[in-house]
Amino acid sequence: MSEQTENLLAGMAEAGCTKEEIQRAGCFLNAGSFNELTKFLKQCRCALMEQMHESQNRVDRMDYLIRQTEKFSVK
């Protein structure tokens, strides 16, 4: 396995990709299917973005609850 391939797969692990996703990317690399790999990486990115948005919504909800709770102590 080339250093470039190892770096790509390690980067996927650092980004939070599952073992299955990393294996699938490895299959694309081994097959020389770079266009398919790019599409797959973009799909993985979209999933990460969705997780980020969900987390942001939870943080926003928590901020709202904090503000509401702070109002209790003012009264």
C-alpha atoms as a PDB file:
ATOM      1  CA  MET A   1       0.000   0.000   0.000  1.00  0.00           C
ATOM      2  CA  SER A   2       1.413   3.373  -0.982  1.00  0.00           C
ATOM      3  CA  GLU A   3       2.045   6.140   1.523  1.00  0.00           C
ATOM      4  CA  GLN A   4      -0.553   8.288  -0.245  1.00  0.00           C
ATOM      5  CA  THR A   5      -3.168   5.542   0.159  1.00  0.00           C
ATOM      6  CA  GLU A   6      -2.251   5.022   3.796  1.00  0.00           C
ATOM      7  CA  ASN A   7      -2.539   8.770   4.435  1.00  0.00           C
ATOM      8  CA  LEU A   8      -5.950   8.929   2.781  1.00  0.00           C
ATOM      9  CA  LEU A   9      -7.317   6.016   4.771  1.00  0.00           C
ATOM     10  CA  ALA A  10      -5.777   7.330   8.011  1.00  0.00           C
ATOM     11  CA  GLY A  11      -7.339  10.720   7.292  1.00  0.00           C
ATOM     12  CA  MET A  12     -10.722   9.084   6.916  1.00  0.00           C
ATOM     13  CA  ALA A  13     -10.288   7.431  10.320  1.00  0.00           C
ATOM     14  CA  GLU A  14      -9.335  10.774  11.862  1.00  0.00           C
ATOM     15  CA  ALA A  15     -12.450  12.325  10.290  1.00  0.00           C
ATOM     16  CA  GLY A  16     -14.599   9.741  12.058  1.00  0.00           C
ATOM     17  CA  CYS A  17     -15.365   7.396   9.178  1.00  0.00           C
ATOM     18  CA  THR A  18     -16.369   3.855  10.068  1.00  0.00           C
ATOM     19  CA  LYS A  19     -14.183   0.825   9.368  1.00  0.00           C
ATOM     20  CA  GLU A  20     -16.657  -0.178   6.667  1.00  0.00           C
ATOM     21  CA  GLU A  21     -16.382   3.214   4.967  1.00  0.00           C
ATOM     22  CA  ILE A  22     -12.600   3.057   5.094  1.00  0.00           C
ATOM     23  CA  GLN A  23     -12.619  -0.459   3.631  1.00  0.00           C
ATOM     24  CA  ARG A  24     -14.958   0.649   0.863  1.00  0.00           C
ATOM     25  CA  ALA A  25     -12.660   3.563   0.042  1.00  0.00           C
ATOM     26  CA  GLY A  26      -9.749   1.122  -0.029  1.00  0.00           C
ATOM     27  CA  CYS A  27     -11.629  -0.999  -2.548  1.00  0.00           C
ATOM     28  CA  PHE A  28     -12.177   2.028  -4.782  1.00  0.00           C
ATOM     29  CA  LEU A  29      -8.478   2.868  -4.526  1.00  0.00           C
ATOM     30  CA  ASN A  30      -7.381  -0.689  -5.317  1.00  0.00           C
ATOM     31  CA  ALA A  31      -9.694  -0.777  -8.324  1.00  0.00           C
ATOM     32  CA  GLY A  32      -8.453   2.590  -9.560  1.00  0.00           C
ATOM     33  CA  SER A  33     -12.008   3.951  -9.364  1.00  0.00           C
ATOM     34  CA  PHE A  34     -11.006   7.469  -8.397  1.00  0.00           C
ATOM     35  CA  ASN A  35     -14.222   9.101  -9.621  1.00  0.00           C
ATOM     36  CA  GLU A  36     -16.254   6.667  -7.539  1.00  0.00           C
ATOM     37  CA  LEU A  37     -13.949   7.296  -4.584  1.00  0.00           C
ATOM     38  CA  THR A  38     -14.477  11.038  -4.905  1.00  0.00           C
ATOM     39  CA  LYS A  39     -18.268  10.567  -5.003  1.00  0.00           C
ATOM     40  CA  PHE A  40     -18.080   8.298  -1.976  1.00  0.00           C
ATOM     41  CA  LEU A  41     -15.933  10.756  -0.009  1.00  0.00           C
ATOM     42  CA  LYS A  42     -18.440  13.498  -0.807  1.00  0.00           C
ATOM     43  CA  GLN A  43     -21.227  11.279   0.547  1.00  0.00           C
ATOM     44  CA  CYS A  44     -19.209  10.725   3.727  1.00  0.00           C
ATOM     45  CA  ARG A  45     -18.729  14.487   4.006  1.00  0.00           C
ATOM     46  CA  CYS A  46     -22.464  15.088   3.653  1.00  0.00           C
ATOM     47  CA  ALA A  47     -23.133  12.619   6.461  1.00  0.00           C
ATOM     48  CA  LEU A  48     -20.623  14.429   8.679  1.00  0.00           C
ATOM     49  CA  MET A  49     -22.231  17.767   7.860  1.00  0.00           C
ATOM     50  CA  GLU A  50     -25.647  16.387   8.796  1.00  0.00           C
ATOM     51  CA  GLN A  51     -24.232  15.181  12.129  1.00  0.00           C
ATOM     52  CA  MET A  52     -22.717  18.608  12.693  1.00  0.00           C
ATOM     53  CA  HIS A  53     -26.037  20.333  12.003  1.00  0.00           C
ATOM     54  CA  GLU A  54     -27.830  17.976  14.374  1.00  0.00           C
ATOM     55  CA  SER A  55     -25.245  18.738  17.057  1.00  0.00           C
ATOM     56  CA  GLN A  56     -25.614  22.468  16.445  1.00  0.00           C
ATOM     57  CA  ASN A  57     -29.381  22.176  16.855  1.00  0.00           C
ATOM     58  CA  ARG A  58     -28.858  20.422  20.209  1.00  0.00           C
ATOM     59  CA  VAL A  59     -26.423  23.144  21.306  1.00  0.00           C
ATOM     60  CA  ASP A  60     -28.924  25.825  20.269  1.00  0.00           C
ATOM     61  CA  ARG A  61     -31.633  24.052  22.268  1.00  0.00           C
ATOM     62  CA  MET A  62     -29.327  23.887  25.303  1.00  0.00           C
ATOM     63  CA  ASP A  63     -28.537  27.606  24.968  1.00  0.00           C
ATOM     64  CA  TYR A  64     -32.270  28.319  24.946  1.00  0.00           C
ATOM     65  CA  LEU A  65     -32.762  26.228  28.082  1.00  0.00           C
ATOM     66  CA  ILE A  66     -29.907  28.039  29.807  1.00  0.00           C
ATOM     67  CA  ARG A  67     -31.447  31.417  28.958  1.00  0.00           C
ATOM     68  CA  GLN A  68     -34.816  30.246  30.250  1.00  0.00           C
ATOM     69  CA  THR A  69     -33.245  28.978  33.464  1.00  0.00           C
ATOM     70  CA  GLU A  70     -31.386  32.246  33.982  1.00  0.00           C
ATOM     71  CA  LYS A  71     -34.727  34.042  33.882  1.00  0.00           C
ATOM     72  CA  PHE A  72     -35.834  32.012  36.917  1.00  0.00           C
ATOM     73  CA  SER A  73     -32.985  33.367  39.029  1.00  0.00           C
ATOM     74  CA  VAL A  74     -33.746  36.982  38.067  1.00  0.00           C
ATOM     75  CA  LYS A  75     -37.291  36.842  39.473  1.00  0.00           C
END
